[in-house]
C-alpha atoms as a PDB file:
ATOM      1  CA  MET A   1      37.583  32.078 -45.189  1.00  0.00           C
ATOM      2  CA  ALA A   2      35.063  29.561 -43.833  1.00  0.00           C
ATOM      3  CA  GLU A   3      34.784  26.178 -45.460  1.00  0.00           C
ATOM      4  CA  GLU A   4      31.570  24.229 -45.723  1.00  0.00           C
ATOM      5  CA  VAL A   5      31.636  20.633 -44.596  1.00  0.00           C
ATOM      6  CA  LYS A   6      28.803  18.259 -45.436  1.00  0.00           C
ATOM      7  CA  VAL A   7      28.386  15.138 -43.336  1.00  0.00           C
ATOM      8  CA  GLU A   8      25.776  12.478 -43.996  1.00  0.00           C
ATOM      9  CA  VAL A   9      24.943  10.041 -41.237  1.00  0.00           C
ATOM     10  CA  GLU A  10      22.571   7.098 -41.449  1.00  0.00           C
ATOM     11  CA  VAL A  11      21.291   5.602 -38.206  1.00  0.00           C
ATOM     12  CA  GLU A  12      19.052   2.585 -38.048  1.00  0.00           C
ATOM     13  CA  VAL A  13      17.459   1.611 -34.754  1.00  0.00           C
ATOM     14  CA  ASP A  14      15.461  -1.557 -34.267  1.00  0.00           C
ATOM     15  CA  VAL A  15      13.718  -1.834 -30.893  1.00  0.00           C
ATOM     16  CA  LYS A  16      11.534  -4.722 -29.886  1.00  0.00           C
ATOM     17  CA  VAL A  17       9.374  -4.459 -26.800  1.00  0.00           C
ATOM     18  CA  GLU A  18       7.871  -7.572 -25.325  1.00  0.00           C
ATOM     19  CA  VAL A  19       5.364  -7.210 -22.518  1.00  0.00           C
ATOM     20  CA  GLU A  20       4.013 -10.217 -20.753  1.00  0.00           C
ATOM     21  CA  ALA A  21       0.292 -10.411 -20.165  1.00  0.00           C
ATOM     22  CA  GLU A  22       0.817 -10.758 -16.414  1.00  0.00           C
ATOM     23  CA  GLU A  23       2.543  -7.380 -16.200  1.00  0.00           C
ATOM     24  CA  GLU A  24      -0.335  -5.646 -18.001  1.00  0.00           C
ATOM     25  CA  MET A  25      -2.907  -6.793 -15.458  1.00  0.00           C
ATOM     26  CA  HIS A  26      -3.145  -4.338 -12.589  1.00  0.00           C
ATOM     27  CA  ASP A  27      -4.946  -5.353  -9.433  1.00  0.00           C
ATOM     28  CA  TYR A  28      -7.317  -2.411  -8.998  1.00  0.00           C
ATOM     29  CA  ALA A  29      -9.253  -4.166  -6.234  1.00  0.00           C
ATOM     30  CA  LYS A  30      -6.075  -4.377  -4.177  1.00  0.00           C
ATOM     31  CA  GLU A  31      -5.290  -0.718  -4.909  1.00  0.00           C
ATOM     32  CA  ARG A  32      -8.819   0.338  -3.916  1.00  0.00           C
ATOM     33  CA  LYS A  33      -8.523  -1.609  -0.649  1.00  0.00           C
ATOM     34  CA  HIS A  34      -5.129   0.005   0.021  1.00  0.00           C
ATOM     35  CA  HIS A  35      -6.496   3.532  -0.455  1.00  0.00           C
ATOM     36  CA  LYS A  36      -9.536   2.686   1.676  1.00  0.00           C
ATOM     37  CA  HIS A  37      -7.285   1.628   4.554  1.00  0.00           C
ATOM     38  CA  LEU A  38      -5.147   4.752   4.203  1.00  0.00           C
ATOM     39  CA  GLN A  39      -8.282   6.903   4.159  1.00  0.00           C
ATOM     40  CA  GLN A  40      -9.551   5.290   7.350  1.00  0.00           C
ATOM     41  CA  LEU A  41      -6.182   5.612   9.104  1.00  0.00           C
ATOM     42  CA  THR A  42      -5.778   9.260   8.177  1.00  0.00           C
ATOM     43  CA  GLY A  43      -9.348   9.934   9.308  1.00  0.00           C
ATOM     44  CA  LEU A  44      -8.481   8.463  12.691  1.00  0.00           C
ATOM     45  CA  GLY A  45      -5.335  10.586  12.785  1.00  0.00           C
ATOM     46  CA  ALA A  46      -7.372  13.709  12.089  1.00  0.00           C
ATOM     47  CA  MET A  47      -9.769  12.864  14.898  1.00  0.00           C
ATOM     48  CA  ALA A  48      -6.894  12.214  17.308  1.00  0.00           C
ATOM     49  CA  ALA A  49      -5.199  15.505  16.426  1.00  0.00           C
ATOM     50  CA  GLY A  50      -8.502  17.352  16.838  1.00  0.00           C
ATOM     51  CA  ALA A  51      -9.068  15.752  20.226  1.00  0.00           C
ATOM     52  CA  TYR A  52      -5.559  16.758  21.299  1.00  0.00           C
ATOM     53  CA  ALA A  53      -6.233  20.333  20.170  1.00  0.00           C
ATOM     54  CA  LEU A  54      -9.382  20.439  22.301  1.00  0.00           C
ATOM     55  CA  HIS A  55      -7.446  18.956  25.218  1.00  0.00           C
ATOM     56  CA  GLU A  56      -4.799  21.682  24.966  1.00  0.00           C
ATOM     57  CA  LYS A  57      -7.498  24.349  24.696  1.00  0.00           C
ATOM     58  CA  HIS A  58      -8.970  23.065  27.955  1.00  0.00           C
ATOM     59  CA  LYS A  59      -5.525  23.049  29.606  1.00  0.00           C
ATOM     60  CA  ALA A  60      -4.932  26.653  28.504  1.00  0.00           C
ATOM     61  CA  LYS A  61      -8.076  27.707  30.375  1.00  0.00           C
ATOM     62  CA  LYS A  62      -7.211  25.694  33.490  1.00  0.00           C
ATOM     63  CA  ASP A  63      -3.529  26.648  33.661  1.00  0.00           C
ATOM     64  CA  PRO A  64      -3.200  30.427  33.122  1.00  0.00           C
ATOM     65  CA  GLU A  65       0.540  30.418  33.955  1.00  0.00           C
ATOM     66  CA  ASN A  66       1.351  28.205  30.967  1.00  0.00           C
ATOM     67  CA  ALA A  67      -1.538  29.308  28.773  1.00  0.00           C
ATOM     68  CA  HIS A  68       0.711  30.492  25.947  1.00  0.00           C
ATOM     69  CA  LYS A  69       2.464  27.126  25.736  1.00  0.00           C
ATOM     70  CA  HIS A  70      -0.896  25.324  25.609  1.00  0.00           C
ATOM     71  CA  LYS A  71      -2.232  27.733  22.979  1.00  0.00           C
ATOM     72  CA  VAL A  72       0.784  27.037  20.755  1.00  0.00           C
ATOM     73  CA  LYS A  73       0.305  23.280  21.135  1.00  0.00           C
ATOM     74  CA  GLU A  74      -3.413  23.694  20.419  1.00  0.00           C
ATOM     75  CA  HIS A  75      -2.744  25.573  17.179  1.00  0.00           C
ATOM     76  CA  ILE A  76      -0.134  23.061  16.049  1.00  0.00           C
ATOM     77  CA  ALA A  77      -2.546  20.192  16.699  1.00  0.00           C
ATOM     78  CA  ALA A  78      -5.290  22.011  14.797  1.00  0.00           C
ATOM     79  CA  VAL A  79      -3.018  22.465  11.780  1.00  0.00           C
ATOM     80  CA  VAL A  80      -2.034  18.798  11.908  1.00  0.00           C
ATOM     81  CA  ALA A  81      -5.712  17.799  12.061  1.00  0.00           C
ATOM     82  CA  VAL A  82      -6.516  19.879   8.977  1.00  0.00           C
ATOM     83  CA  GLY A  83      -3.509  18.505   7.090  1.00  0.00           C
ATOM     84  CA  VAL A  84      -4.300  14.903   7.890  1.00  0.00           C
ATOM     85  CA  GLY A  85      -7.943  15.528   6.975  1.00  0.00           C
ATOM     86  CA  GLY A  86      -6.750  16.726   3.570  1.00  0.00           C
ATOM     87  CA  ILE A  87      -4.757  13.540   3.112  1.00  0.00           C
ATOM     88  CA  ALA A  88      -7.862  11.498   3.988  1.00  0.00           C
ATOM     89  CA  PHE A  89      -9.825  13.480   1.390  1.00  0.00           C
ATOM     90  CA  HIS A  90      -7.101  12.782  -1.189  1.00  0.00           C
ATOM     91  CA  GLU A  91      -7.109   9.061  -0.426  1.00  0.00           C
ATOM     92  CA  GLY A  92     -10.883   9.008  -0.913  1.00  0.00           C
ATOM     93  CA  HIS A  93     -10.401  10.372  -4.436  1.00  0.00           C
ATOM     94  CA  GLU A  94      -7.648   7.842  -5.135  1.00  0.00           C
ATOM     95  CA  LYS A  95     -10.006   5.076  -4.024  1.00  0.00           C
ATOM     96  CA  LYS A  96     -12.704   6.369  -6.408  1.00  0.00           C
ATOM     97  CA  ASP A  97     -10.209   6.514  -9.291  1.00  0.00           C
ATOM     98  CA  ALA A  98      -9.136   2.921  -8.655  1.00  0.00           C
ATOM     99  CA  LYS A  99     -12.792   1.861  -8.611  1.00  0.00           C
ATOM    100  CA  LYS A 100     -13.449   3.602 -11.955  1.00  0.00           C
ATOM    101  CA  LYS A 101     -10.371   2.032 -13.549  1.00  0.00           C
ATOM    102  CA  SER A 102     -11.451  -1.360 -12.246  1.00  0.00           C
ATOM    103  CA  LYS A 103     -14.862  -0.992 -13.885  1.00  0.00           C
ATOM    104  CA  GLU A 104     -13.253   0.180 -17.166  1.00  0.00           C
ATOM    105  CA  CYS A 105     -10.993  -2.858 -17.298  1.00  0.00           C
ATOM    106  CA  THR A 106     -13.778  -5.344 -16.615  1.00  0.00           C
ATOM    107  CA  SER A 107     -16.173  -3.737 -19.103  1.00  0.00           C
END
């Protein structure tokens, strides 16, 4: 036969959270500048990868013996250019978000 056991437990928790005013302030201007720099750098990376892809495309035409190798390098560079371009696009949105948050905090 099963016995019933009743247990009563009382738990009291007292938590105090203190946040300093300095920690609450976030430097959105610095964040916006950071994302702007990352956007510019990734844009340059995309251009460099695109230029390398065009260079390999040219080499594939000029060097028919190693054309396959150059085609592979061209396609890899093209994929890298698209990927880095996507990162630049993302950083542009992050920059806009930081700008909006900055205006919300000052208003």
